[in-house]
Amino acid sequence: GGEASEGRMVLHALPGSQHRNPIGIVHGGF
């Protein structure tokens, strides 16, 4: 989900294990 107004966007996300890189933290691409 999120919110949109003129010139502004807000998005929410939940980082999970599927977003991890080989060193165990969430990949910077996320």
PDB file of all heavy atoms in Angstrom:
ATOM      1  N   GLY A   1       0.798  -1.216   0.000  1.00  0.00           N
ATOM      2  CA  GLY A   1       0.000   0.000   0.000  1.00  0.00           C
ATOM      3  C   GLY A   1       0.826   1.259   0.000  1.00  0.00           C
ATOM      4  O   GLY A   1       2.050   1.227  -0.059  1.00  0.00           O
ATOM      5  N   GLY A   2       0.118   2.369   0.023  1.00  0.00           N
ATOM      6  CA  GLY A   2       0.788   3.651  -0.007  1.00  0.00           C
ATOM      7  C   GLY A   2      -0.202   4.791  -0.066  1.00  0.00           C
ATOM      8  O   GLY A   2      -1.402   4.604   0.151  1.00  0.00           O
ATOM      9  N   GLU A   3       0.328   5.958  -0.397  1.00  0.00           N
ATOM     10  CA  GLU A   3      -0.478   7.168  -0.500  1.00  0.00           C
ATOM     11  C   GLU A   3       0.079   8.001  -1.639  1.00  0.00           C
ATOM     12  O   GLU A   3       1.290   8.038  -1.843  1.00  0.00           O
ATOM     13  CB  GLU A   3      -0.383   7.977   0.793  1.00  0.00           C
ATOM     14  CG  GLU A   3      -0.714   7.225   2.058  1.00  0.00           C
ATOM     15  CD  GLU A   3      -0.006   7.833   3.268  1.00  0.00           C
ATOM     16  OE1 GLU A   3       0.157   9.066   3.308  1.00  0.00           O
ATOM     17  OE2 GLU A   3       0.399   7.056   4.133  1.00  0.00           O
ATOM     18  N   ALA A   4      -0.808   8.684  -2.353  1.00  0.00           N
ATOM     19  CA  ALA A   4      -0.386   9.548  -3.445  1.00  0.00           C
ATOM     20  C   ALA A   4      -1.070  10.897  -3.323  1.00  0.00           C
ATOM     21  O   ALA A   4      -2.272  10.968  -3.047  1.00  0.00           O
ATOM     22  CB  ALA A   4      -0.730   8.911  -4.785  1.00  0.00           C
ATOM     23  N   SER A   5      -0.302  11.961  -3.521  1.00  0.00           N
ATOM     24  CA  SER A   5      -0.840  13.315  -3.632  1.00  0.00           C
ATOM     25  C   SER A   5       0.008  14.035  -4.668  1.00  0.00           C
ATOM     26  O   SER A   5       1.036  13.519  -5.114  1.00  0.00           O
ATOM     27  CB  SER A   5      -0.823  14.032  -2.281  1.00  0.00           C
ATOM     28  OG  SER A   5       0.492  14.079  -1.748  1.00  0.00           O
ATOM     29  N   GLU A   6      -0.398  15.204  -5.066  1.00  0.00           N
ATOM     30  CA  GLU A   6       0.318  15.946  -6.104  1.00  0.00           C
ATOM     31  C   GLU A   6       1.784  16.138  -5.713  1.00  0.00           C
ATOM     32  O   GLU A   6       2.088  16.745  -4.693  1.00  0.00           O
ATOM     33  CB  GLU A   6      -0.339  17.319  -6.317  1.00  0.00           C
ATOM     34  CG  GLU A   6       0.285  18.139  -7.413  1.00  0.00           C
ATOM     35  CD  GLU A   6      -0.090  17.685  -8.815  1.00  0.00           C
ATOM     36  OE1 GLU A   6      -1.157  17.066  -8.985  1.00  0.00           O
ATOM     37  OE2 GLU A   6       0.692  17.973  -9.736  1.00  0.00           O
ATOM     38  N   GLY A   7       2.679  15.547  -6.503  1.00  0.00           N
ATOM     39  CA  GLY A   7       4.110  15.686  -6.276  1.00  0.00           C
ATOM     40  C   GLY A   7       4.679  14.843  -5.157  1.00  0.00           C
ATOM     41  O   GLY A   7       5.839  14.999  -4.779  1.00  0.00           O
ATOM     42  N   ARG A   8       3.907  13.902  -4.630  1.00  0.00           N
ATOM     43  CA  ARG A   8       4.364  13.078  -3.503  1.00  0.00           C
ATOM     44  C   ARG A   8       3.818  11.657  -3.627  1.00  0.00           C
ATOM     45  O   ARG A   8       2.658  11.455  -3.966  1.00  0.00           O
ATOM     46  CB  ARG A   8       3.908  13.680  -2.184  1.00  0.00           C
ATOM     47  CG  ARG A   8       4.401  12.919  -0.950  1.00  0.00           C
ATOM     48  CD  ARG A   8       4.084  13.741   0.305  1.00  0.00           C
ATOM     49  NE  ARG A   8       4.420  13.069   1.520  1.00  0.00           N
ATOM     50  CZ  ARG A   8       5.632  13.001   2.071  1.00  0.00           C
ATOM     51  NH1 ARG A   8       6.653  13.553   1.476  1.00  0.00           N
ATOM     52  NH2 ARG A   8       5.828  12.385   3.218  1.00  0.00           N
ATOM     53  N   MET A   9       4.683  10.691  -3.320  1.00  0.00           N
ATOM     54  CA  MET A   9       4.270   9.283  -3.292  1.00  0.00           C
ATOM     55  C   MET A   9       4.891   8.621  -2.082  1.00  0.00           C
ATOM     56  O   MET A   9       6.074   8.824  -1.785  1.00  0.00           O
ATOM     57  CB  MET A   9       4.727   8.571  -4.568  1.00  0.00           C
ATOM     58  CG  MET A   9       4.158   7.200  -4.736  1.00  0.00           C
ATOM     59  SD  MET A   9       2.413   7.286  -5.214  1.00  0.00           S
ATOM     60  CE  MET A   9       1.974   5.554  -5.201  1.00  0.00           C
ATOM     61  N   VAL A  10       4.100   7.844  -1.366  1.00  0.00           N
ATOM     62  CA  VAL A  10       4.558   7.084  -0.208  1.00  0.00           C
ATOM     63  C   VAL A  10       4.225   5.617  -0.470  1.00  0.00           C
ATOM     64  O   VAL A  10       3.094   5.288  -0.830  1.00  0.00           O
ATOM     65  CB  VAL A  10       3.866   7.565   1.094  1.00  0.00           C
ATOM     66  CG1 VAL A  10       4.316   6.730   2.282  1.00  0.00           C
ATOM     67  CG2 VAL A  10       4.111   9.050   1.331  1.00  0.00           C
ATOM     68  N   LEU A  11       5.240   4.762  -0.316  1.00  0.00           N
ATOM     69  CA  LEU A  11       5.068   3.324  -0.514  1.00  0.00           C
ATOM     70  C   LEU A  11       5.576   2.571   0.709  1.00  0.00           C
ATOM     71  O   LEU A  11       6.548   2.998   1.332  1.00  0.00           O
ATOM     72  CB  LEU A  11       5.851   2.859  -1.745  1.00  0.00           C
ATOM     73  CG  LEU A  11       5.466   3.493  -3.077  1.00  0.00           C
ATOM     74  CD1 LEU A  11       6.485   3.139  -4.147  1.00  0.00           C
ATOM     75  CD2 LEU A  11       4.070   3.056  -3.494  1.00  0.00           C
ATOM     76  N   HIS A  12       4.940   1.473   1.039  1.00  0.00           N
ATOM     77  CA  HIS A  12       5.342   0.639   2.165  1.00  0.00           C
ATOM     78  C   HIS A  12       5.725  -0.748   1.652  1.00  0.00           C
ATOM     79  O   HIS A  12       5.136  -1.246   0.694  1.00  0.00           O
ATOM     80  CB  HIS A  12       4.195   0.503   3.172  1.00  0.00           C
ATOM     81  CG  HIS A  12       3.618   1.802   3.615  1.00  0.00           C
ATOM     82  ND1 HIS A  12       4.273   2.649   4.466  1.00  0.00           N
ATOM     83  CD2 HIS A  12       2.457   2.415   3.289  1.00  0.00           C
ATOM     84  CE1 HIS A  12       3.533   3.727   4.667  1.00  0.00           C
ATOM     85  NE2 HIS A  12       2.421   3.605   3.963  1.00  0.00           N
ATOM     86  N   ALA A  13       6.693  -1.351   2.307  1.00  0.00           N
ATOM     87  CA  ALA A  13       7.103  -2.710   1.930  1.00  0.00           C
ATOM     88  C   ALA A  13       7.661  -3.434   3.149  1.00  0.00           C
ATOM     89  O   ALA A  13       8.081  -2.811   4.129  1.00  0.00           O
ATOM     90  CB  ALA A  13       8.152  -2.668   0.821  1.00  0.00           C
ATOM     91  N   LEU A  14       7.665  -4.743   3.043  1.00  0.00           N
ATOM     92  CA  LEU A  14       8.159  -5.575   4.134  1.00  0.00           C
ATOM     93  C   LEU A  14       9.332  -6.410   3.638  1.00  0.00           C
ATOM     94  O   LEU A  14       9.147  -7.357   2.868  1.00  0.00           O
ATOM     95  CB  LEU A  14       7.049  -6.486   4.654  1.00  0.00           C
ATOM     96  CG  LEU A  14       7.365  -7.303   5.894  1.00  0.00           C
ATOM     97  CD1 LEU A  14       7.657  -6.394   7.085  1.00  0.00           C
ATOM     98  CD2 LEU A  14       6.202  -8.231   6.211  1.00  0.00           C
ATOM     99  N   PRO A  15      10.570  -6.070   4.043  1.00  0.00           N
ATOM    100  CA  PRO A  15      11.717  -6.862   3.605  1.00  0.00           C
ATOM    101  C   PRO A  15      11.657  -8.264   4.223  1.00  0.00           C
ATOM    102  O   PRO A  15      11.355  -8.420   5.403  1.00  0.00           O
ATOM    103  CB  PRO A  15      12.926  -6.085   4.117  1.00  0.00           C
ATOM    104  CG  PRO A  15      12.413  -5.256   5.246  1.00  0.00           C
ATOM    105  CD  PRO A  15      10.969  -4.979   4.945  1.00  0.00           C
ATOM    106  N   GLY A  16      11.935  -9.255   3.387  1.00  0.00           N
ATOM    107  CA  GLY A  16      11.894 -10.639   3.858  1.00  0.00           C
ATOM    108  C   GLY A  16      13.160 -11.384   3.509  1.00  0.00           C
ATOM    109  O   GLY A  16      14.084 -10.841   2.892  1.00  0.00           O
ATOM    110  N   SER A  17      13.201 -12.640   3.871  1.00  0.00           N
ATOM    111  CA  SER A  17      14.392 -13.451   3.606  1.00  0.00           C
ATOM    112  C   SER A  17      14.661 -13.577   2.107  1.00  0.00           C
ATOM    113  O   SER A  17      15.809 -13.739   1.690  1.00  0.00           O
ATOM    114  CB  SER A  17      14.265 -14.826   4.256  1.00  0.00           C
ATOM    115  OG  SER A  17      13.139 -15.494   3.737  1.00  0.00           O
ATOM    116  N   GLN A  18      13.629 -13.468   1.278  1.00  0.00           N
ATOM    117  CA  GLN A  18      13.813 -13.551  -0.171  1.00  0.00           C
ATOM    118  C   GLN A  18      14.557 -12.335  -0.732  1.00  0.00           C
ATOM    119  O   GLN A  18      15.026 -12.369  -1.863  1.00  0.00           O
ATOM    120  CB  GLN A  18      12.454 -13.700  -0.886  1.00  0.00           C
ATOM    121  CG  GLN A  18      11.588 -12.450  -0.914  1.00  0.00           C
ATOM    122  CD  GLN A  18      10.715 -12.259   0.316  1.00  0.00           C
ATOM    123  OE1 GLN A  18      10.989 -12.792   1.392  1.00  0.00           O
ATOM    124  NE2 GLN A  18       9.649 -11.497   0.165  1.00  0.00           N
ATOM    125  N   HIS A  19      14.699 -11.290   0.064  1.00  0.00           N
ATOM    126  CA  HIS A  19      15.407 -10.081  -0.373  1.00  0.00           C
ATOM    127  C   HIS A  19      16.863 -10.049   0.093  1.00  0.00           C
ATOM    128  O   HIS A  19      17.581  -9.095  -0.193  1.00  0.00           O
ATOM    129  CB  HIS A  19      14.677  -8.827   0.140  1.00  0.00           C
ATOM    130  CG  HIS A  19      13.282  -8.719  -0.356  1.00  0.00           C
ATOM    131  ND1 HIS A  19      12.192  -8.674   0.498  1.00  0.00           N
ATOM    132  CD2 HIS A  19      12.774  -8.683  -1.609  1.00  0.00           C
ATOM    133  CE1 HIS A  19      11.089  -8.593  -0.215  1.00  0.00           C
ATOM    134  NE2 HIS A  19      11.412  -8.594  -1.490  1.00  0.00           N
ATOM    135  N   ARG A  20      17.295 -11.086   0.814  1.00  0.00           N
ATOM    136  CA  ARG A  20      18.664 -11.113   1.351  1.00  0.00           C
ATOM    137  C   ARG A  20      19.701 -11.327   0.254  1.00  0.00           C
ATOM    138  O   ARG A  20      19.465 -12.013  -0.729  1.00  0.00           O
ATOM    139  CB  ARG A  20      18.822 -12.234   2.365  1.00  0.00           C
ATOM    140  CG  ARG A  20      18.147 -11.956   3.663  1.00  0.00           C
ATOM    141  CD  ARG A  20      18.431 -13.068   4.633  1.00  0.00           C
ATOM    142  NE  ARG A  20      17.757 -12.778   5.887  1.00  0.00           N
ATOM    143  CZ  ARG A  20      17.772 -13.583   6.923  1.00  0.00           C
ATOM    144  NH1 ARG A  20      18.436 -14.719   6.872  1.00  0.00           N
ATOM    145  NH2 ARG A  20      17.137 -13.258   8.015  1.00  0.00           N
ATOM    146  N   ASN A  21      20.886 -10.759   0.498  1.00  0.00           N
ATOM    147  CA  ASN A  21      22.033 -11.020  -0.374  1.00  0.00           C
ATOM    148  C   ASN A  21      22.878 -12.129   0.264  1.00  0.00           C
ATOM    149  O   ASN A  21      22.545 -12.619   1.341  1.00  0.00           O
ATOM    150  CB  ASN A  21      22.833  -9.732  -0.630  1.00  0.00           C
ATOM    151  CG  ASN A  21      23.438  -9.150   0.633  1.00  0.00           C
ATOM    152  OD1 ASN A  21      23.647  -9.841   1.626  1.00  0.00           O
ATOM    153  ND2 ASN A  21      23.737  -7.867   0.595  1.00  0.00           N
ATOM    154  N   PRO A  22      23.970 -12.548  -0.370  1.00  0.00           N
ATOM    155  CA  PRO A  22      24.770 -13.653   0.179  1.00  0.00           C
ATOM    156  C   PRO A  22      25.368 -13.403   1.566  1.00  0.00           C
ATOM    157  O   PRO A  22      25.724 -14.360   2.254  1.00  0.00           O
ATOM    158  CB  PRO A  22      25.876 -13.838  -0.863  1.00  0.00           C
ATOM    159  CG  PRO A  22      25.271 -13.370  -2.137  1.00  0.00           C
ATOM    160  CD  PRO A  22      24.405 -12.199  -1.726  1.00  0.00           C
ATOM    161  N   ILE A  23      25.494 -12.149   2.005  1.00  0.00           N
ATOM    162  CA  ILE A  23      26.040 -11.910   3.346  1.00  0.00           C
ATOM    163  C   ILE A  23      24.952 -11.805   4.413  1.00  0.00           C
ATOM    164  O   ILE A  23      25.241 -11.536   5.573  1.00  0.00           O
ATOM    165  CB  ILE A  23      26.978 -10.677   3.380  1.00  0.00           C
ATOM    166  CG1 ILE A  23      26.246  -9.394   3.011  1.00  0.00           C
ATOM    167  CG2 ILE A  23      28.185 -10.894   2.503  1.00  0.00           C
ATOM    168  CD1 ILE A  23      27.067  -8.121   3.209  1.00  0.00           C
ATOM    169  N   GLY A  24      23.684 -12.013   4.005  1.00  0.00           N
ATOM    170  CA  GLY A  24      22.602 -12.120   4.971  1.00  0.00           C
ATOM    171  C   GLY A  24      21.791 -10.866   5.230  1.00  0.00           C
ATOM    172  O   GLY A  24      20.798 -10.928   5.941  1.00  0.00           O
ATOM    173  N   ILE A  25      22.214  -9.714   4.684  1.00  0.00           N
ATOM    174  CA  ILE A  25      21.387  -8.518   4.847  1.00  0.00           C
ATOM    175  C   ILE A  25      20.547  -8.341   3.592  1.00  0.00           C
ATOM    176  O   ILE A  25      20.778  -8.989   2.571  1.00  0.00           O
ATOM    177  CB  ILE A  25      22.239  -7.256   5.137  1.00  0.00           C
ATOM    178  CG1 ILE A  25      23.196  -6.952   3.992  1.00  0.00           C
ATOM    179  CG2 ILE A  25      22.980  -7.400   6.458  1.00  0.00           C
ATOM    180  CD1 ILE A  25      23.935  -5.633   4.145  1.00  0.00           C
ATOM    181  N   VAL A  26      19.558  -7.474   3.673  1.00  0.00           N
ATOM    182  CA  VAL A  26      18.702  -7.234   2.520  1.00  0.00           C
ATOM    183  C   VAL A  26      19.529  -6.545   1.434  1.00  0.00           C
ATOM    184  O   VAL A  26      20.271  -5.596   1.705  1.00  0.00           O
ATOM    185  CB  VAL A  26      17.472  -6.398   2.929  1.00  0.00           C
ATOM    186  CG1 VAL A  26      16.689  -5.931   1.713  1.00  0.00           C
ATOM    187  CG2 VAL A  26      16.572  -7.221   3.862  1.00  0.00           C
ATOM    188  N   HIS A  27      19.411  -7.043   0.228  1.00  0.00           N
ATOM    189  CA  HIS A  27      20.159  -6.529  -0.914  1.00  0.00           C
ATOM    190  C   HIS A  27      19.883  -5.042  -1.105  1.00  0.00           C
ATOM    191  O   HIS A  27      18.753  -4.579  -0.939  1.00  0.00           O
ATOM    192  CB  HIS A  27      19.747  -7.301  -2.176  1.00  0.00           C
ATOM    193  CG  HIS A  27      20.627  -7.065  -3.335  1.00  0.00           C
ATOM    194  ND1 HIS A  27      20.541  -5.933  -4.117  1.00  0.00           N
ATOM    195  CD2 HIS A  27      21.628  -7.806  -3.862  1.00  0.00           C
ATOM    196  CE1 HIS A  27      21.442  -5.986  -5.069  1.00  0.00           C
ATOM    197  NE2 HIS A  27      22.122  -7.124  -4.942  1.00  0.00           N
ATOM    198  N   GLY A  28      20.920  -4.292  -1.466  1.00  0.00           N
ATOM    199  CA  GLY A  28      20.773  -2.853  -1.702  1.00  0.00           C
ATOM    200  C   GLY A  28      19.771  -2.532  -2.792  1.00  0.00           C
ATOM    201  O   GLY A  28      19.181  -1.447  -2.806  1.00  0.00           O
ATOM    202  N   GLY A  29      19.567  -3.471  -3.697  1.00  0.00           N
ATOM    203  CA  GLY A  29      18.583  -3.272  -4.754  1.00  0.00           C
ATOM    204  C   GLY A  29      17.169  -3.123  -4.224  1.00  0.00           C
ATOM    205  O   GLY A  29      16.320  -2.496  -4.857  1.00  0.00           O
ATOM    206  N   PHE A  30      16.895  -3.692  -3.055  1.00  0.00           N
ATOM    207  CA  PHE A  30      15.578  -3.555  -2.431  1.00  0.00           C
ATOM    208  C   PHE A  30      15.331  -2.085  -2.099  1.00  0.00           C
ATOM    209  O   PHE A  30      14.314  -1.510  -2.500  1.00  0.00           O
ATOM    210  CB  PHE A  30      15.512  -4.428  -1.171  1.00  0.00           C
ATOM    211  CG  PHE A  30      14.210  -4.340  -0.414  1.00  0.00           C
ATOM    212  CD1 PHE A  30      13.124  -5.100  -0.802  1.00  0.00           C
ATOM    213  CD2 PHE A  30      14.086  -3.511   0.690  1.00  0.00           C
ATOM    214  CE1 PHE A  30      11.923  -5.043  -0.098  1.00  0.00           C
ATOM    215  CE2 PHE A  30      12.893  -3.438   1.400  1.00  0.00           C
ATOM    216  CZ  PHE A  30      11.817  -4.199   1.002  1.00  0.00           C
TER     217      PHE A  30
END
